[in-house]
Amino acid sequence: MSGLRALAHRETATAPDAAQPPATSAGPRPVGIVSASVPLCVGVLVERRYLSQAQPSGLVAALRARGCRVRVIDPEASAVRVGDDRWLKGLDLIVARGRSWGLLCRLSCAEAFGVPTIHRRAAIAAVHNKAEMAVTLAAAGVPTPRTYLGPARRLGGRLRRSGRGAALVLKPVFGDNGRGLRVVRERSALERIRWPEPVALAQELVAGDGRERKLYGIGDQVWAVERAAPLAAGRAPARRPAVVAGAEGPVATPAELALAAACRRIFGLDLYGIDCIPAAGGPVVIEVNEFPNYTGVPAASERLAEFVVRRASRAVERRP
């Protein structure tokens, strides 16, 4: 069991119904402290599959280095009684990473008791549901590929034919991390397909130059990271090395900055990633995600911690 996973298990195993103080850890620097004797206490609510990833592990370490107390909460490690807020005791803010029903229910509880959260449950649900995401992006006028919704076998008429063939990218409505994507070029393939959900979301495969741009946002700061587009050749997604953002790396263009600001606003996100494909008419948004790993962003954990500390400090200052 990894260090963060073990810590989450230990801290959540007895917290909901036991009158015990939360586990704490203070870092070496007295930064992010409300007063000389009361450090900020941040809850990191994290789905189990993310416990070993770069985030939120990096955020947890950076918060502790700033003198914050951090309580890692794994929603799968324990049960809570509805209406009992003892598991929230002492928390100034909750940062969530994950989309499981258990995590979303915990967020609902936190919101009901007035604990500030990053993000709100509704914001995470809006980008988890790719159908809702597509509708929201289209209504806001954000440039996206032509997108269709319907039973997978009924999407054959939407295949666009050209000299190079046609392609649709089928996505599960509740998929993530590239799981379940299918690239389909022929109507016959769609008629034979076995799709696990009653409705599929289908996007026309954008004919770019083989590059994908990932826009990472922390508040109003945005970084661009570039990599080979996973579906450029019509194959299933594969992990590709990213070009690091920074002084010698790619810089977000004005059009990309405008897209990032629009997506942040319409979904209510503060920590987000946007998958874009450069196209002749400008960048096209493929997908929006909340709280990514920030792969390729320099000092990402420290930047995340700075943002979280500011938000938690404001929440404490606004208390009656």
C-alpha atoms as a PDB file:
ATOM      1  CA  MET A   1       0.000   0.000   0.000  1.00  0.00           C
ATOM      2  CA  SER A   2       1.484   3.371  -1.063  1.00  0.00           C
ATOM      3  CA  GLY A   3       2.113   6.115   1.498  1.00  0.00           C
ATOM      4  CA  LEU A   4      -0.791   8.313   0.411  1.00  0.00           C
ATOM      5  CA  ARG A   5      -3.114   5.323   0.039  1.00  0.00           C
ATOM      6  CA  ALA A   6      -2.200   4.045   3.514  1.00  0.00           C
ATOM      7  CA  LEU A   7      -2.661   7.500   5.013  1.00  0.00           C
ATOM      8  CA  ALA A   8      -6.083   7.889   3.426  1.00  0.00           C
ATOM      9  CA  HIS A   9      -7.161   4.492   4.721  1.00  0.00           C
ATOM     10  CA  ARG A  10      -5.951   5.266   8.249  1.00  0.00           C
ATOM     11  CA  GLU A  11      -7.520   8.725   8.413  1.00  0.00           C
ATOM     12  CA  THR A  12     -10.941   7.724   7.075  1.00  0.00           C
ATOM     13  CA  ALA A  13     -11.352   4.332   8.707  1.00  0.00           C
ATOM     14  CA  THR A  14     -12.574   5.761  12.022  1.00  0.00           C
ATOM     15  CA  ALA A  15     -13.367   9.393  11.282  1.00  0.00           C
ATOM     16  CA  PRO A  16     -17.104   9.391  10.444  1.00  0.00           C
ATOM     17  CA  ASP A  17     -18.574   8.157  13.713  1.00  0.00           C
ATOM     18  CA  ALA A  18     -15.717   8.500  16.161  1.00  0.00           C
ATOM     19  CA  ALA A  19     -15.098  11.559  18.288  1.00  0.00           C
ATOM     20  CA  GLN A  20     -11.453  11.686  17.341  1.00  0.00           C
ATOM     21  CA  PRO A  21      -9.471  14.702  16.151  1.00  0.00           C
ATOM     22  CA  PRO A  22      -8.422  14.565  12.487  1.00  0.00           C
ATOM     23  CA  ALA A  23      -4.941  13.379  11.649  1.00  0.00           C
ATOM     24  CA  THR A  24      -2.652  16.340  11.005  1.00  0.00           C
ATOM     25  CA  SER A  25       0.711  17.055   9.529  1.00  0.00           C
ATOM     26  CA  ALA A  26       2.584  20.322   9.522  1.00  0.00           C
ATOM     27  CA  GLY A  27       5.304  21.251   7.053  1.00  0.00           C
ATOM     28  CA  PRO A  28       8.522  23.166   7.698  1.00  0.00           C
ATOM     29  CA  ARG A  29       7.359  26.620   6.597  1.00  0.00           C
ATOM     30  CA  PRO A  30       4.706  28.719   8.399  1.00  0.00           C
ATOM     31  CA  VAL A  31       2.986  29.733   5.167  1.00  0.00           C
ATOM     32  CA  GLY A  32      -0.791  29.355   4.742  1.00  0.00           C
ATOM     33  CA  ILE A  33      -1.510  29.934   8.431  1.00  0.00           C
ATOM     34  CA  VAL A  34      -4.543  31.939   9.502  1.00  0.00           C
ATOM     35  CA  SER A  35      -2.965  32.924  12.787  1.00  0.00           C
ATOM     36  CA  ALA A  36       0.131  31.999  14.730  1.00  0.00           C
ATOM     37  CA  SER A  37      -1.670  29.103  16.389  1.00  0.00           C
ATOM     38  CA  VAL A  38      -4.362  28.054  13.889  1.00  0.00           C
ATOM     39  CA  PRO A  39      -3.082  26.600  10.603  1.00  0.00           C
ATOM     40  CA  LEU A  40      -5.457  26.040   7.739  1.00  0.00           C
ATOM     41  CA  CYS A  41      -6.997  22.569   7.572  1.00  0.00           C
ATOM     42  CA  VAL A  42      -7.672  21.281   4.047  1.00  0.00           C
ATOM     43  CA  GLY A  43      -9.525  18.088   3.263  1.00  0.00           C
ATOM     44  CA  VAL A  44      -8.417  16.286   0.099  1.00  0.00           C
ATOM     45  CA  LEU A  45     -11.339  14.098  -0.990  1.00  0.00           C
ATOM     46  CA  VAL A  46      -9.872  11.668  -3.491  1.00  0.00           C
ATOM     47  CA  GLU A  47     -11.191   8.684  -5.393  1.00  0.00           C
ATOM     48  CA  ARG A  48      -9.080   5.608  -4.661  1.00  0.00           C
ATOM     49  CA  ARG A  49      -7.725   5.182  -8.202  1.00  0.00           C
ATOM     50  CA  TYR A  50      -6.010   8.581  -7.948  1.00  0.00           C
ATOM     51  CA  LEU A  51      -4.254   7.956  -4.636  1.00  0.00           C
ATOM     52  CA  SER A  52      -1.011   6.909  -6.331  1.00  0.00           C
ATOM     53  CA  GLN A  53      -1.028   9.536  -9.100  1.00  0.00           C
ATOM     54  CA  ALA A  54       0.921  12.788  -9.341  1.00  0.00           C
ATOM     55  CA  GLN A  55      -2.160  14.638  -8.162  1.00  0.00           C
ATOM     56  CA  PRO A  56      -3.358  14.997  -5.531  1.00  0.00           C
ATOM     57  CA  SER A  57      -0.180  13.547  -3.953  1.00  0.00           C
ATOM     58  CA  GLY A  58       1.850  16.564  -5.055  1.00  0.00           C
ATOM     59  CA  LEU A  59      -0.764  18.989  -3.748  1.00  0.00           C
ATOM     60  CA  VAL A  60      -0.871  17.237  -0.365  1.00  0.00           C
ATOM     61  CA  ALA A  61       2.922  17.449   0.020  1.00  0.00           C
ATOM     62  CA  ALA A  62       3.025  21.092  -1.073  1.00  0.00           C
ATOM     63  CA  LEU A  63       0.239  22.077   1.334  1.00  0.00           C
ATOM     64  CA  ARG A  64       2.031  20.446   4.224  1.00  0.00           C
ATOM     65  CA  ALA A  65       5.247  22.195   3.257  1.00  0.00           C
ATOM     66  CA  ARG A  66       3.321  25.457   3.667  1.00  0.00           C
ATOM     67  CA  GLY A  67       2.278  24.580   7.211  1.00  0.00           C
ATOM     68  CA  CYS A  68      -1.265  23.462   6.432  1.00  0.00           C
ATOM     69  CA  ARG A  69      -2.937  20.517   8.067  1.00  0.00           C
ATOM     70  CA  VAL A  70      -4.198  18.055   5.457  1.00  0.00           C
ATOM     71  CA  ARG A  71      -6.786  15.322   5.912  1.00  0.00           C
ATOM     72  CA  VAL A  72      -6.854  12.818   3.037  1.00  0.00           C
ATOM     73  CA  ILE A  73     -10.355  11.360   2.672  1.00  0.00           C
ATOM     74  CA  ASP A  74     -10.980   8.218   0.629  1.00  0.00           C
ATOM     75  CA  PRO A  75     -14.775   7.918   0.189  1.00  0.00           C
ATOM     76  CA  GLU A  76     -14.435   4.159  -0.315  1.00  0.00           C
ATOM     77  CA  ALA A  77     -12.699   3.574   3.009  1.00  0.00           C
ATOM     78  CA  SER A  78     -15.650   4.222   5.309  1.00  0.00           C
ATOM     79  CA  ALA A  79     -19.339   5.025   5.561  1.00  0.00           C
ATOM     80  CA  VAL A  80     -20.969   8.126   7.018  1.00  0.00           C
ATOM     81  CA  ARG A  81     -24.427   8.676   8.416  1.00  0.00           C
ATOM     82  CA  VAL A  82     -26.456  11.173   6.417  1.00  0.00           C
ATOM     83  CA  GLY A  83     -26.856  14.330   8.469  1.00  0.00           C
ATOM     84  CA  ASP A  84     -23.753  13.656  10.610  1.00  0.00           C
ATOM     85  CA  ASP A  85     -21.120  16.295   9.922  1.00  0.00           C
ATOM     86  CA  ARG A  86     -18.412  14.990  12.258  1.00  0.00           C
ATOM     87  CA  TRP A  87     -16.261  13.818   9.347  1.00  0.00           C
ATOM     88  CA  LEU A  88     -16.143  17.483   8.245  1.00  0.00           C
ATOM     89  CA  LYS A  89     -15.123  18.834  11.645  1.00  0.00           C
ATOM     90  CA  GLY A  90     -12.329  21.377  11.503  1.00  0.00           C
ATOM     91  CA  LEU A  91     -12.062  21.540   7.701  1.00  0.00           C
ATOM     92  CA  ASP A  92     -11.668  24.992   6.169  1.00  0.00           C
ATOM     93  CA  LEU A  93     -11.929  23.732   2.583  1.00  0.00           C
ATOM     94  CA  ILE A  94     -12.290  20.477   0.637  1.00  0.00           C
ATOM     95  CA  VAL A  95     -10.466  19.806  -2.638  1.00  0.00           C
ATOM     96  CA  ALA A  96     -11.913  16.890  -4.595  1.00  0.00           C
ATOM     97  CA  ARG A  97     -10.385  14.691  -7.256  1.00  0.00           C
ATOM     98  CA  GLY A  98     -12.582  11.992  -8.724  1.00  0.00           C
ATOM     99  CA  ARG A  99     -16.000  11.285 -10.225  1.00  0.00           C
ATOM    100  CA  SER A 100     -17.261   8.242  -8.360  1.00  0.00           C
ATOM    101  CA  TRP A 101     -20.765   8.277  -6.910  1.00  0.00           C
ATOM    102  CA  GLY A 102     -19.262   7.934  -3.439  1.00  0.00           C
ATOM    103  CA  LEU A 103     -17.128  11.025  -3.920  1.00  0.00           C
ATOM    104  CA  LEU A 104     -19.980  13.041  -5.431  1.00  0.00           C
ATOM    105  CA  CYS A 105     -22.236  12.110  -2.520  1.00  0.00           C
ATOM    106  CA  ARG A 106     -19.585  13.232  -0.032  1.00  0.00           C
ATOM    107  CA  LEU A 107     -19.325  16.544  -1.888  1.00  0.00           C
ATOM    108  CA  SER A 108     -23.088  16.967  -1.624  1.00  0.00           C
ATOM    109  CA  CYS A 109     -22.828  16.446   2.125  1.00  0.00           C
ATOM    110  CA  ALA A 110     -20.022  18.976   2.446  1.00  0.00           C
ATOM    111  CA  GLU A 111     -21.969  21.573   0.451  1.00  0.00           C
ATOM    112  CA  ALA A 112     -25.092  20.967   2.543  1.00  0.00           C
ATOM    113  CA  PHE A 113     -23.115  21.772   5.689  1.00  0.00           C
ATOM    114  CA  GLY A 114     -21.560  24.877   4.153  1.00  0.00           C
ATOM    115  CA  VAL A 115     -17.983  23.648   3.764  1.00  0.00           C
ATOM    116  CA  PRO A 116     -16.311  25.377   0.762  1.00  0.00           C
ATOM    117  CA  THR A 117     -15.278  22.936  -1.966  1.00  0.00           C
ATOM    118  CA  ILE A 118     -13.091  22.818  -5.059  1.00  0.00           C
ATOM    119  CA  HIS A 119     -15.026  21.861  -7.097  1.00  0.00           C
ATOM    120  CA  ARG A 120     -18.739  21.857  -6.479  1.00  0.00           C
ATOM    121  CA  ARG A 121     -20.508  18.598  -7.198  1.00  0.00           C
ATOM    122  CA  ALA A 122     -22.469  20.078 -10.095  1.00  0.00           C
ATOM    123  CA  ALA A 123     -19.296  21.257 -11.855  1.00  0.00           C
ATOM    124  CA  ILE A 124     -17.697  17.799 -11.714  1.00  0.00           C
ATOM    125  CA  ALA A 125     -20.904  16.088 -12.840  1.00  0.00           C
ATOM    126  CA  ALA A 126     -21.251  18.466 -15.805  1.00  0.00           C
ATOM    127  CA  VAL A 127     -17.896  17.451 -17.297  1.00  0.00           C
ATOM    128  CA  HIS A 128     -18.181  13.797 -16.269  1.00  0.00           C
ATOM    129  CA  ASN A 129     -21.354  13.497 -18.350  1.00  0.00           C
ATOM    130  CA  LYS A 130     -19.949  13.968 -21.860  1.00  0.00           C
ATOM    131  CA  ALA A 131     -23.409  14.440 -23.363  1.00  0.00           C
ATOM    132  CA  GLU A 132     -24.143  17.342 -21.023  1.00  0.00           C
ATOM    133  CA  MET A 133     -20.664  18.700 -21.689  1.00  0.00           C
ATOM    134  CA  ALA A 134     -21.233  18.643 -25.446  1.00  0.00           C
ATOM    135  CA  VAL A 135     -24.599  20.392 -25.112  1.00  0.00           C
ATOM    136  CA  THR A 136     -23.134  23.073 -22.828  1.00  0.00           C
ATOM    137  CA  LEU A 137     -20.157  23.736 -25.123  1.00  0.00           C
ATOM    138  CA  ALA A 138     -22.404  23.979 -28.195  1.00  0.00           C
ATOM    139  CA  ALA A 139     -24.860  26.323 -26.450  1.00  0.00           C
ATOM    140  CA  ALA A 140     -21.971  28.585 -25.408  1.00  0.00           C
ATOM    141  CA  GLY A 141     -20.607  28.744 -28.954  1.00  0.00           C
ATOM    142  CA  VAL A 142     -17.337  27.015 -28.095  1.00  0.00           C
ATOM    143  CA  PRO A 143     -15.786  25.479 -31.259  1.00  0.00           C
ATOM    144  CA  THR A 144     -16.031  21.691 -31.087  1.00  0.00           C
ATOM    145  CA  PRO A 145     -16.130  18.852 -33.630  1.00  0.00           C
ATOM    146  CA  ARG A 146     -19.532  17.985 -35.058  1.00  0.00           C
ATOM    147  CA  THR A 147     -21.058  15.911 -32.303  1.00  0.00           C
ATOM    148  CA  TYR A 148     -23.955  13.456 -32.315  1.00  0.00           C
ATOM    149  CA  LEU A 149     -25.896  11.596 -29.637  1.00  0.00           C
ATOM    150  CA  GLY A 150     -27.885   8.420 -30.060  1.00  0.00           C
ATOM    151  CA  PRO A 151     -27.783   4.627 -30.022  1.00  0.00           C
ATOM    152  CA  ALA A 152     -24.426   3.578 -31.472  1.00  0.00           C
ATOM    153  CA  ARG A 153     -25.978   1.464 -34.227  1.00  0.00           C
ATOM    154  CA  ARG A 154     -28.086   4.435 -35.386  1.00  0.00           C
ATOM    155  CA  LEU A 155     -25.140   6.742 -35.948  1.00  0.00           C
ATOM    156  CA  GLY A 156     -24.135   5.238 -39.293  1.00  0.00           C
ATOM    157  CA  GLY A 157     -25.900   7.943 -41.293  1.00  0.00           C
ATOM    158  CA  ARG A 158     -23.672  10.545 -39.659  1.00  0.00           C
ATOM    159  CA  LEU A 159     -20.460   9.175 -41.175  1.00  0.00           C
ATOM    160  CA  ARG A 160     -19.069  11.784 -43.557  1.00  0.00           C
ATOM    161  CA  ARG A 161     -17.546  10.346 -46.698  1.00  0.00           C
ATOM    162  CA  SER A 162     -14.434  11.774 -48.342  1.00  0.00           C
ATOM    163  CA  GLY A 163     -11.558  10.556 -50.451  1.00  0.00           C
ATOM    164  CA  ARG A 164      -9.723   9.482 -47.305  1.00  0.00           C
ATOM    165  CA  GLY A 165     -12.690   7.783 -45.740  1.00  0.00           C
ATOM    166  CA  ALA A 166     -14.894   8.892 -42.866  1.00  0.00           C
ATOM    167  CA  ALA A 167     -14.402   8.583 -39.148  1.00  0.00           C
ATOM    168  CA  LEU A 168     -16.391   9.015 -35.982  1.00  0.00           C
ATOM    169  CA  VAL A 169     -14.929   8.795 -32.510  1.00  0.00           C
ATOM    170  CA  LEU A 170     -17.435   7.037 -30.238  1.00  0.00           C
ATOM    171  CA  LYS A 171     -17.228   7.882 -26.558  1.00  0.00           C
ATOM    172  CA  PRO A 172     -19.030   6.473 -23.522  1.00  0.00           C
ATOM    173  CA  VAL A 173     -21.191   9.193 -21.976  1.00  0.00           C
ATOM    174  CA  PHE A 174     -19.574   8.529 -18.593  1.00  0.00           C
ATOM    175  CA  GLY A 175     -16.117   7.443 -19.739  1.00  0.00           C
ATOM    176  CA  ASP A 176     -12.830   9.080 -18.786  1.00  0.00           C
ATOM    177  CA  ASN A 177      -9.066   8.718 -19.212  1.00  0.00           C
ATOM    178  CA  GLY A 178      -9.577   7.606 -22.812  1.00  0.00           C
ATOM    179  CA  ARG A 179     -11.306   4.382 -21.793  1.00  0.00           C
ATOM    180  CA  GLY A 180     -13.820   2.914 -24.198  1.00  0.00           C
ATOM    181  CA  LEU A 181     -13.060   5.133 -27.204  1.00  0.00           C
ATOM    182  CA  ARG A 182     -13.744   3.594 -30.621  1.00  0.00           C
ATOM    183  CA  VAL A 183     -12.796   5.018 -34.021  1.00  0.00           C
ATOM    184  CA  VAL A 184     -15.308   3.895 -36.672  1.00  0.00           C
ATOM    185  CA  ARG A 185     -15.075   4.573 -40.401  1.00  0.00           C
ATOM    186  CA  GLU A 186     -17.753   2.354 -41.925  1.00  0.00           C
ATOM    187  CA  ARG A 187     -21.521   2.171 -41.461  1.00  0.00           C
ATOM    188  CA  SER A 188     -21.281  -1.617 -41.350  1.00  0.00           C
ATOM    189  CA  ALA A 189     -18.944  -1.408 -38.347  1.00  0.00           C
ATOM    190  CA  LEU A 190     -21.467   0.704 -36.469  1.00  0.00           C
ATOM    191  CA  GLU A 191     -24.295  -1.696 -37.290  1.00  0.00           C
ATOM    192  CA  ARG A 192     -22.308  -4.555 -35.751  1.00  0.00           C
ATOM    193  CA  ILE A 193     -20.938  -2.699 -32.763  1.00  0.00           C
ATOM    194  CA  ARG A 194     -21.700  -3.780 -29.209  1.00  0.00           C
ATOM    195  CA  TRP A 195     -21.900  -0.608 -27.154  1.00  0.00           C
ATOM    196  CA  PRO A 196     -22.150  -0.820 -23.342  1.00  0.00           C
ATOM    197  CA  GLU A 197     -24.475   2.177 -22.946  1.00  0.00           C
ATOM    198  CA  PRO A 198     -27.893   2.917 -24.496  1.00  0.00           C
ATOM    199  CA  VAL A 199     -26.574   6.192 -25.919  1.00  0.00           C
ATOM    200  CA  ALA A 200     -23.179   6.966 -27.433  1.00  0.00           C
ATOM    201  CA  LEU A 201     -21.572  10.331 -27.999  1.00  0.00           C
ATOM    202  CA  ALA A 202     -19.895  10.529 -31.411  1.00  0.00           C
ATOM    203  CA  GLN A 203     -17.512  13.237 -32.590  1.00  0.00           C
ATOM    204  CA  GLU A 204     -16.167  13.633 -36.083  1.00  0.00           C
ATOM    205  CA  LEU A 205     -12.433  12.986 -36.061  1.00  0.00           C
ATOM    206  CA  VAL A 206     -10.771  16.366 -36.574  1.00  0.00           C
ATOM    207  CA  ALA A 207      -8.185  16.371 -39.370  1.00  0.00           C
ATOM    208  CA  GLY A 208      -5.438  18.350 -37.653  1.00  0.00           C
ATOM    209  CA  ASP A 209      -1.690  18.224 -38.141  1.00  0.00           C
ATOM    210  CA  GLY A 210      -1.152  15.323 -35.752  1.00  0.00           C
ATOM    211  CA  ARG A 211      -0.738  17.506 -32.663  1.00  0.00           C
ATOM    212  CA  GLU A 212      -2.907  17.823 -29.587  1.00  0.00           C
ATOM    213  CA  ARG A 213      -2.744  20.811 -27.280  1.00  0.00           C
ATOM    214  CA  LYS A 214      -3.628  20.374 -23.632  1.00  0.00           C
ATOM    215  CA  LEU A 215      -4.524  23.571 -21.808  1.00  0.00           C
ATOM    216  CA  TYR A 216      -4.035  23.354 -18.051  1.00  0.00           C
ATOM    217  CA  GLY A 217      -5.683  25.963 -15.850  1.00  0.00           C
ATOM    218  CA  ILE A 218      -5.277  26.920 -12.210  1.00  0.00           C
ATOM    219  CA  GLY A 219      -7.643  29.811 -11.650  1.00  0.00           C
ATOM    220  CA  ASP A 220      -6.931  32.355 -14.362  1.00  0.00           C
ATOM    221  CA  GLN A 221      -3.418  31.024 -15.066  1.00  0.00           C
ATOM    222  CA  VAL A 222      -3.172  28.811 -18.161  1.00  0.00           C
ATOM    223  CA  TRP A 223      -0.339  26.653 -19.533  1.00  0.00           C
ATOM    224  CA  ALA A 224      -0.166  24.849 -22.869  1.00  0.00           C
ATOM    225  CA  VAL A 225       1.394  21.398 -23.244  1.00  0.00           C
ATOM    226  CA  GLU A 226       1.771  19.729 -26.622  1.00  0.00           C
ATOM    227  CA  ARG A 227       1.872  16.070 -27.614  1.00  0.00           C
ATOM    228  CA  ALA A 228       1.105  13.793 -30.523  1.00  0.00           C
ATOM    229  CA  ALA A 229      -2.658  13.511 -30.944  1.00  0.00           C
ATOM    230  CA  PRO A 230      -3.661  10.027 -29.703  1.00  0.00           C
ATOM    231  CA  LEU A 231      -6.283   9.566 -32.442  1.00  0.00           C
ATOM    232  CA  ALA A 232      -4.463  11.327 -35.285  1.00  0.00           C
ATOM    233  CA  ALA A 233      -4.088   8.129 -37.292  1.00  0.00           C
ATOM    234  CA  GLY A 234      -7.536   6.822 -36.380  1.00  0.00           C
ATOM    235  CA  ARG A 235      -6.134   4.358 -33.850  1.00  0.00           C
ATOM    236  CA  ALA A 236      -7.085   3.766 -30.262  1.00  0.00           C
ATOM    237  CA  PRO A 237      -5.531   6.252 -27.813  1.00  0.00           C
ATOM    238  CA  ALA A 238      -1.970   5.624 -26.671  1.00  0.00           C
ATOM    239  CA  ARG A 239       0.149   7.408 -24.129  1.00  0.00           C
ATOM    240  CA  ARG A 240       2.544   9.834 -25.817  1.00  0.00           C
ATOM    241  CA  PRO A 241       5.310  11.958 -24.288  1.00  0.00           C
ATOM    242  CA  ALA A 242       4.275  15.544 -23.690  1.00  0.00           C
ATOM    243  CA  VAL A 243       6.305  18.654 -24.506  1.00  0.00           C
ATOM    244  CA  VAL A 244       6.745  20.520 -21.229  1.00  0.00           C
ATOM    245  CA  ALA A 245       5.279  23.998 -20.885  1.00  0.00           C
ATOM    246  CA  GLY A 246       7.659  26.740 -19.847  1.00  0.00           C
ATOM    247  CA  ALA A 247      10.196  29.213 -21.128  1.00  0.00           C
ATOM    248  CA  GLU A 248      11.302  26.902 -23.959  1.00  0.00           C
ATOM    249  CA  GLY A 249       8.033  25.062 -24.432  1.00  0.00           C
ATOM    250  CA  PRO A 250       4.722  25.949 -26.089  1.00  0.00           C
ATOM    251  CA  VAL A 251       2.862  29.061 -24.980  1.00  0.00           C
ATOM    252  CA  ALA A 252      -0.921  29.339 -24.943  1.00  0.00           C
ATOM    253  CA  THR A 253      -2.150  31.469 -27.840  1.00  0.00           C
ATOM    254  CA  PRO A 254      -4.707  34.296 -27.389  1.00  0.00           C
ATOM    255  CA  ALA A 255      -7.382  32.035 -28.910  1.00  0.00           C
ATOM    256  CA  GLU A 256      -6.499  29.239 -26.467  1.00  0.00           C
ATOM    257  CA  LEU A 257      -6.564  31.638 -23.516  1.00  0.00           C
ATOM    258  CA  ALA A 258     -10.024  32.800 -24.580  1.00  0.00           C
ATOM    259  CA  LEU A 259     -11.225  29.192 -24.828  1.00  0.00           C
ATOM    260  CA  ALA A 260      -9.814  28.388 -21.397  1.00  0.00           C
ATOM    261  CA  ALA A 261     -11.565  31.394 -19.848  1.00  0.00           C
ATOM    262  CA  ALA A 262     -14.852  30.446 -21.511  1.00  0.00           C
ATOM    263  CA  CYS A 263     -14.696  26.808 -20.390  1.00  0.00           C
ATOM    264  CA  ARG A 264     -13.747  27.793 -16.852  1.00  0.00           C
ATOM    265  CA  ARG A 265     -16.709  30.159 -16.681  1.00  0.00           C
ATOM    266  CA  ILE A 266     -19.408  27.950 -18.192  1.00  0.00           C
ATOM    267  CA  PHE A 267     -18.529  24.896 -16.096  1.00  0.00           C
ATOM    268  CA  GLY A 268     -17.524  26.694 -12.885  1.00  0.00           C
ATOM    269  CA  LEU A 269     -14.078  25.082 -12.767  1.00  0.00           C
ATOM    270  CA  ASP A 270     -10.919  26.379 -11.090  1.00  0.00           C
ATOM    271  CA  LEU A 271      -8.607  23.398 -11.700  1.00  0.00           C
ATOM    272  CA  TYR A 272      -9.114  22.114 -15.228  1.00  0.00           C
ATOM    273  CA  GLY A 273      -7.667  20.651 -18.398  1.00  0.00           C
ATOM    274  CA  ILE A 274      -8.908  21.212 -21.952  1.00  0.00           C
ATOM    275  CA  ASP A 275      -8.014  18.924 -24.872  1.00  0.00           C
ATOM    276  CA  CYS A 276      -7.704  20.927 -28.096  1.00  0.00           C
ATOM    277  CA  ILE A 277      -6.803  20.150 -31.689  1.00  0.00           C
ATOM    278  CA  PRO A 278      -5.258  22.995 -33.745  1.00  0.00           C
ATOM    279  CA  ALA A 279      -7.345  23.416 -36.902  1.00  0.00           C
ATOM    280  CA  ALA A 280      -7.448  25.787 -39.862  1.00  0.00           C
ATOM    281  CA  GLY A 281     -10.082  27.998 -38.256  1.00  0.00           C
ATOM    282  CA  GLY A 282      -8.504  27.946 -34.802  1.00  0.00           C
ATOM    283  CA  PRO A 283      -8.377  25.501 -31.887  1.00  0.00           C
ATOM    284  CA  VAL A 284     -11.206  22.999 -31.518  1.00  0.00           C
ATOM    285  CA  VAL A 285     -12.171  21.775 -28.051  1.00  0.00           C
ATOM    286  CA  ILE A 286     -12.417  17.996 -27.804  1.00  0.00           C
ATOM    287  CA  GLU A 287     -13.041  17.671 -24.093  1.00  0.00           C
ATOM    288  CA  VAL A 288     -12.917  19.469 -20.734  1.00  0.00           C
ATOM    289  CA  ASN A 289     -11.823  17.787 -17.494  1.00  0.00           C
ATOM    290  CA  GLU A 290     -11.634  18.858 -13.882  1.00  0.00           C
ATOM    291  CA  PHE A 291      -8.463  18.600 -11.733  1.00  0.00           C
ATOM    292  CA  PRO A 292      -6.020  16.854 -14.103  1.00  0.00           C
ATOM    293  CA  ASN A 293      -2.482  15.682 -13.264  1.00  0.00           C
ATOM    294  CA  TYR A 294      -0.880  18.804 -14.797  1.00  0.00           C
ATOM    295  CA  THR A 295       1.710  16.702 -16.595  1.00  0.00           C
ATOM    296  CA  GLY A 296       4.329  18.993 -18.096  1.00  0.00           C
ATOM    297  CA  VAL A 297       3.435  22.102 -16.051  1.00  0.00           C
ATOM    298  CA  PRO A 298       6.484  23.341 -14.076  1.00  0.00           C
ATOM    299  CA  ALA A 299       6.058  23.451 -10.279  1.00  0.00           C
ATOM    300  CA  ALA A 300       2.429  22.347 -10.651  1.00  0.00           C
ATOM    301  CA  SER A 301       2.067  21.124  -7.066  1.00  0.00           C
ATOM    302  CA  GLU A 302       3.349  24.383  -5.599  1.00  0.00           C
ATOM    303  CA  ARG A 303       1.068  26.403  -7.871  1.00  0.00           C
ATOM    304  CA  LEU A 304      -1.915  24.272  -6.864  1.00  0.00           C
ATOM    305  CA  ALA A 305      -1.080  24.671  -3.177  1.00  0.00           C
ATOM    306  CA  GLU A 306      -0.812  28.446  -3.553  1.00  0.00           C
ATOM    307  CA  PHE A 307      -4.249  28.602  -5.159  1.00  0.00           C
ATOM    308  CA  VAL A 308      -5.839  26.321  -2.534  1.00  0.00           C
ATOM    309  CA  VAL A 309      -4.307  28.271   0.351  1.00  0.00           C
ATOM    310  CA  ARG A 310      -5.633  31.556  -1.018  1.00  0.00           C
ATOM    311  CA  ARG A 311      -9.106  30.093  -1.455  1.00  0.00           C
ATOM    312  CA  ALA A 312      -9.132  28.533   2.029  1.00  0.00           C
ATOM    313  CA  SER A 313      -7.846  31.730   3.628  1.00  0.00           C
ATOM    314  CA  ARG A 314     -10.617  33.763   2.005  1.00  0.00           C
ATOM    315  CA  ALA A 315     -13.193  31.242   3.189  1.00  0.00           C
ATOM    316  CA  VAL A 316     -11.946  31.577   6.783  1.00  0.00           C
ATOM    317  CA  GLU A 317     -11.929  35.370   6.600  1.00  0.00           C
ATOM    318  CA  ARG A 318     -15.551  35.424   5.403  1.00  0.00           C
ATOM    319  CA  ARG A 319     -16.882  33.379   8.284  1.00  0.00           C
ATOM    320  CA  PRO A 320     -19.333  35.263  10.496  1.00  0.00           C
END
